[in-house]
Amino acid sequence: MLTPVLSSTREDSQEESRDASITAWALAARSGDPDAVDHFVRALHRDVRRYVTFLGADPQSADDLTQDTFLRALGSLHRFEGRSSARTWLLSIARRAVIDSIRYSSSRPRLSDTDDWQSAAERTQFRDLPGFDDGIALAELLDALPDDRREAFVLTQLVGLPYAEAASVSDCPVGTVRSRLHRARALLLDKLQQERSAGRVSALRPIRGLI
């Protein structure tokens, strides 16, 4: 009966150790240490790209948003004092990059659509999800969620942030993150049921482990 508890405690400890190392690299990078900069970027590149891919208005812009996030972060490192984890700090910057991108896109004339969502997702989706096709299916499911619920799900279930850190990134109370996640799961489960009824459950089965 104690095994799950011990396993969870061990995972939490490993995650805290990883966050501490990344924060130390960020602090060292402030002085221009190239090795620290490289460690910092490599350690968080996957988390940032996953976050901006699922939250951005245009899935084709994921690479640009990821690059923009790190350029903003590296230009602001002199102001980072380690009061929060470097991962939380960086994802907050990524959030602002996504918001700015959405505002910019909405202010521009809309080009004629030459690609549907499926083809766009195929070029930007992560290959490290349960399966490439499953990653595309998950993106389609998440696209149906309201922005705030999608963000709560991505931060906690895909990026792996604790609720408190997710709340810091989203600039809202922890209880709000929990509520948004609960509602997101309910909507996703309902959508999965619809997919099952339509006979498309095979591609979505591994995704149920995330909900």
Protein backbone atom coordinates (compact mmCIF):
# COMPACT_ATOMS: atom_id res chain seq x y z
CA MET A 1 0.00 0.00 0.00
CA LEU A 2 2.97 2.32 0.61
CA THR A 3 4.58 1.78 -2.80
CA PRO A 4 2.55 4.41 -4.72
CA VAL A 5 3.18 6.97 -1.98
CA LEU A 6 6.92 6.27 -1.94
CA SER A 7 7.05 6.39 -5.73
CA SER A 8 5.23 9.72 -5.81
CA THR A 9 7.53 11.15 -3.13
CA ARG A 10 10.60 10.00 -5.06
CA GLU A 11 9.31 11.58 -8.29
CA ASP A 12 8.54 14.85 -6.50
CA SER A 13 12.05 14.87 -5.04
CA GLN A 14 13.62 14.27 -8.44
CA GLU A 15 11.53 17.05 -9.97
CA GLU A 16 12.52 19.47 -7.21
CA SER A 17 16.18 18.55 -7.74
CA ARG A 18 15.83 19.14 -11.49
CA ASP A 19 14.18 22.52 -10.93
CA ALA A 20 16.92 23.50 -8.49
CA SER A 21 19.61 22.61 -11.04
CA ILE A 22 17.87 24.56 -13.80
CA THR A 23 17.47 27.59 -11.53
CA ALA A 24 21.17 27.39 -10.64
CA TRP A 25 22.05 27.33 -14.35
CA ALA A 26 19.85 30.38 -14.95
CA LEU A 27 21.55 32.28 -12.15
CA ALA A 28 24.99 31.31 -13.49
CA ALA A 29 23.94 32.29 -17.00
CA ARG A 30 23.34 35.87 -15.82
CA SER A 31 27.10 36.41 -15.80
CA GLY A 32 27.41 35.18 -19.36
CA ASP A 33 28.61 31.65 -18.62
CA PRO A 34 28.07 29.95 -22.03
CA ASP A 35 27.87 26.45 -20.54
CA ALA A 36 25.20 27.56 -18.06
CA VAL A 37 23.23 29.21 -20.87
CA ASP A 38 23.42 26.01 -22.92
CA HIS A 39 22.28 23.83 -19.99
CA PHE A 40 19.44 26.23 -19.20
CA VAL A 41 18.12 26.30 -22.77
CA ARG A 42 18.46 22.56 -23.34
CA ALA A 43 16.76 21.71 -20.04
CA LEU A 44 13.65 23.79 -20.75
CA HIS A 45 13.37 23.81 -24.54
CA ARG A 46 10.97 20.82 -24.59
CA ASP A 47 8.67 22.30 -21.92
CA VAL A 48 8.51 25.68 -23.63
CA ARG A 49 7.86 24.26 -27.07
CA ARG A 50 5.14 21.97 -25.77
CA TYR A 51 3.47 24.85 -23.97
CA VAL A 52 3.49 27.28 -26.91
CA THR A 53 2.44 24.58 -29.39
CA PHE A 54 -0.78 23.81 -27.53
CA LEU A 55 -1.51 27.39 -26.45
CA GLY A 56 -0.59 29.35 -29.57
CA ALA A 57 -3.27 30.51 -31.98
CA ASP A 58 -1.24 29.26 -34.95
CA PRO A 59 0.35 25.81 -34.45
CA GLN A 60 2.79 26.52 -37.28
CA SER A 61 4.38 29.29 -35.20
CA ALA A 62 5.61 27.00 -32.41
CA ASP A 63 9.28 27.19 -33.39
CA ASP A 64 9.17 30.98 -33.70
CA LEU A 65 7.39 31.33 -30.35
CA THR A 66 9.91 29.04 -28.68
CA GLN A 67 12.80 31.05 -30.07
CA ASP A 68 11.12 34.32 -29.11
CA THR A 69 10.63 33.05 -25.55
CA PHE A 70 14.29 32.21 -25.09
CA LEU A 71 15.44 35.47 -26.69
CA ARG A 72 13.23 37.38 -24.26
CA ALA A 73 14.45 35.29 -21.34
CA LEU A 74 18.14 35.60 -22.15
CA GLY A 75 17.70 39.34 -22.53
CA SER A 76 16.05 39.51 -19.10
CA LEU A 77 18.29 37.11 -17.18
CA HIS A 78 19.99 40.01 -15.41
CA ARG A 79 16.66 40.63 -13.65
CA PHE A 80 16.11 37.00 -12.60
CA GLU A 81 16.85 36.62 -8.91
CA GLY A 82 15.73 33.05 -8.29
CA ARG A 83 12.68 33.95 -6.20
CA SER A 84 10.71 31.42 -8.24
CA SER A 85 12.01 28.44 -10.16
CA ALA A 86 13.58 29.26 -13.51
CA ARG A 87 11.04 26.99 -15.18
CA THR A 88 8.08 28.94 -13.78
CA TRP A 89 9.77 32.23 -14.70
CA LEU A 90 10.46 31.06 -18.26
CA LEU A 91 6.95 29.71 -18.83
CA SER A 92 5.55 33.06 -17.68
CA ILE A 93 7.62 34.67 -20.42
CA ALA A 94 6.36 32.05 -22.88
CA ARG A 95 2.80 32.93 -21.89
CA ARG A 96 3.40 36.59 -22.69
CA ALA A 97 4.96 35.60 -26.02
CA VAL A 98 1.85 33.57 -26.90
CA ILE A 99 -0.48 36.43 -25.90
CA ASP A 100 1.53 38.92 -27.95
CA SER A 101 1.50 36.55 -30.92
CA ILE A 102 -2.29 36.11 -30.72
CA ARG A 103 -2.84 39.86 -30.48
CA TYR A 104 -0.54 40.46 -33.45
CA SER A 105 -2.21 37.77 -35.54
CA SER A 106 -5.70 39.08 -34.75
CA SER A 107 -4.71 42.57 -35.88
CA ARG A 108 -3.48 41.40 -39.28
CA PRO A 109 -5.68 40.67 -42.33
CA ARG A 110 -6.50 36.96 -42.37
CA LEU A 111 -4.84 35.06 -45.22
CA SER A 112 -6.80 32.47 -47.14
CA ASP A 113 -6.53 29.06 -45.50
CA THR A 114 -4.27 26.78 -47.50
CA ASP A 115 -3.74 24.22 -44.74
CA ASP A 116 -6.23 22.55 -42.47
CA TRP A 117 -5.58 21.91 -38.76
CA GLN A 118 -4.51 18.32 -39.38
CA SER A 119 -1.68 19.18 -41.78
CA ALA A 120 -0.52 22.04 -39.56
CA ALA A 121 -0.41 19.77 -36.52
CA GLU A 122 1.55 17.15 -38.41
CA ARG A 123 4.37 19.63 -38.97
CA THR A 124 4.50 20.94 -35.42
CA GLN A 125 3.35 18.13 -33.15
CA PHE A 126 5.68 16.40 -30.73
CA ARG A 127 6.90 12.94 -31.58
CA ASP A 128 7.44 12.14 -27.88
CA LEU A 129 3.74 11.89 -27.01
CA PRO A 130 2.23 8.36 -26.68
CA GLY A 131 2.39 8.14 -30.49
CA PHE A 132 2.68 10.61 -33.37
CA ASP A 133 -0.94 10.12 -34.43
CA ASP A 134 -2.00 10.25 -30.78
CA GLY A 135 -0.25 13.62 -30.44
CA ILE A 136 -2.25 15.00 -33.35
CA ALA A 137 -5.45 13.61 -31.84
CA LEU A 138 -4.63 15.19 -28.48
CA ALA A 139 -4.01 18.56 -30.14
CA GLU A 140 -7.41 18.36 -31.81
CA LEU A 141 -9.08 17.52 -28.51
CA LEU A 142 -7.35 20.34 -26.65
CA ASP A 143 -8.24 22.80 -29.39
CA ALA A 144 -11.90 22.36 -28.42
CA LEU A 145 -11.24 23.56 -24.84
CA PRO A 146 -11.62 27.17 -23.69
CA ASP A 147 -8.21 28.87 -23.49
CA ASP A 148 -8.00 28.96 -19.68
CA ARG A 149 -8.89 25.28 -19.28
CA ARG A 150 -6.52 24.25 -22.04
CA GLU A 151 -3.70 26.15 -20.36
CA ALA A 152 -4.38 24.49 -17.00
CA PHE A 153 -4.34 21.05 -18.63
CA VAL A 154 -1.17 21.71 -20.62
CA LEU A 155 0.76 23.17 -17.68
CA THR A 156 -0.14 20.43 -15.19
CA GLN A 157 -0.59 17.32 -17.34
CA LEU A 158 1.79 17.87 -20.27
CA VAL A 159 4.48 20.17 -18.88
CA GLY A 160 4.18 18.66 -15.40
CA LEU A 161 4.05 21.78 -13.24
CA PRO A 162 2.72 21.50 -9.68
CA TYR A 163 -0.56 23.35 -9.17
CA ALA A 164 1.14 26.20 -7.31
CA GLU A 165 3.60 26.84 -10.15
CA ALA A 166 0.87 26.53 -12.78
CA ALA A 167 -1.10 29.13 -10.84
CA SER A 168 1.94 31.43 -10.82
CA VAL A 169 2.38 31.10 -14.59
CA SER A 170 -1.35 31.66 -15.20
CA ASP A 171 -1.51 34.51 -12.65
CA CYS A 172 -4.48 33.05 -10.79
CA PRO A 173 -5.20 31.26 -7.47
CA VAL A 174 -4.31 27.59 -7.08
CA GLY A 175 -7.98 26.74 -6.61
CA THR A 176 -8.75 28.26 -9.99
CA VAL A 177 -6.17 26.02 -11.65
CA ARG A 178 -7.70 22.97 -9.97
CA SER A 179 -11.20 24.01 -11.08
CA ARG A 180 -10.09 24.66 -14.67
CA LEU A 181 -8.29 21.31 -14.82
CA HIS A 182 -11.34 19.49 -13.46
CA ARG A 183 -13.57 21.08 -16.08
CA ALA A 184 -11.03 20.43 -18.83
CA ARG A 185 -10.90 16.74 -17.95
CA ALA A 186 -14.70 16.53 -17.94
CA LEU A 187 -14.88 18.08 -21.41
CA LEU A 188 -12.10 15.88 -22.75
CA LEU A 189 -13.72 12.74 -21.38
CA ASP A 190 -16.99 13.75 -23.03
CA LYS A 191 -15.15 14.31 -26.31
CA LEU A 192 -13.45 10.92 -26.00
CA GLN A 193 -16.84 9.31 -25.53
CA GLN A 194 -18.03 10.97 -28.73
CA GLU A 195 -14.94 9.69 -30.56
CA ARG A 196 -15.58 6.20 -29.21
CA SER A 197 -19.14 6.31 -30.47
CA ALA A 198 -17.86 7.41 -33.88
CA GLY A 199 -15.48 4.42 -34.01
CA ARG A 200 -12.25 6.43 -33.68
CA VAL A 201 -11.22 5.17 -30.24
CA SER A 202 -8.11 3.25 -31.36
CA ALA A 203 -6.05 6.37 -32.06
CA LEU A 204 -7.20 8.00 -28.85
CA ARG A 205 -6.87 5.14 -26.37
CA PRO A 206 -3.39 6.07 -25.04
CA ILE A 207 -4.52 9.66 -24.48
CA ARG A 208 -6.95 8.56 -21.78
CA GLY A 209 -3.98 8.08 -19.48
CA LEU A 210 -3.46 11.84 -19.52
CA ILE A 211 -7.00 12.66 -18.43
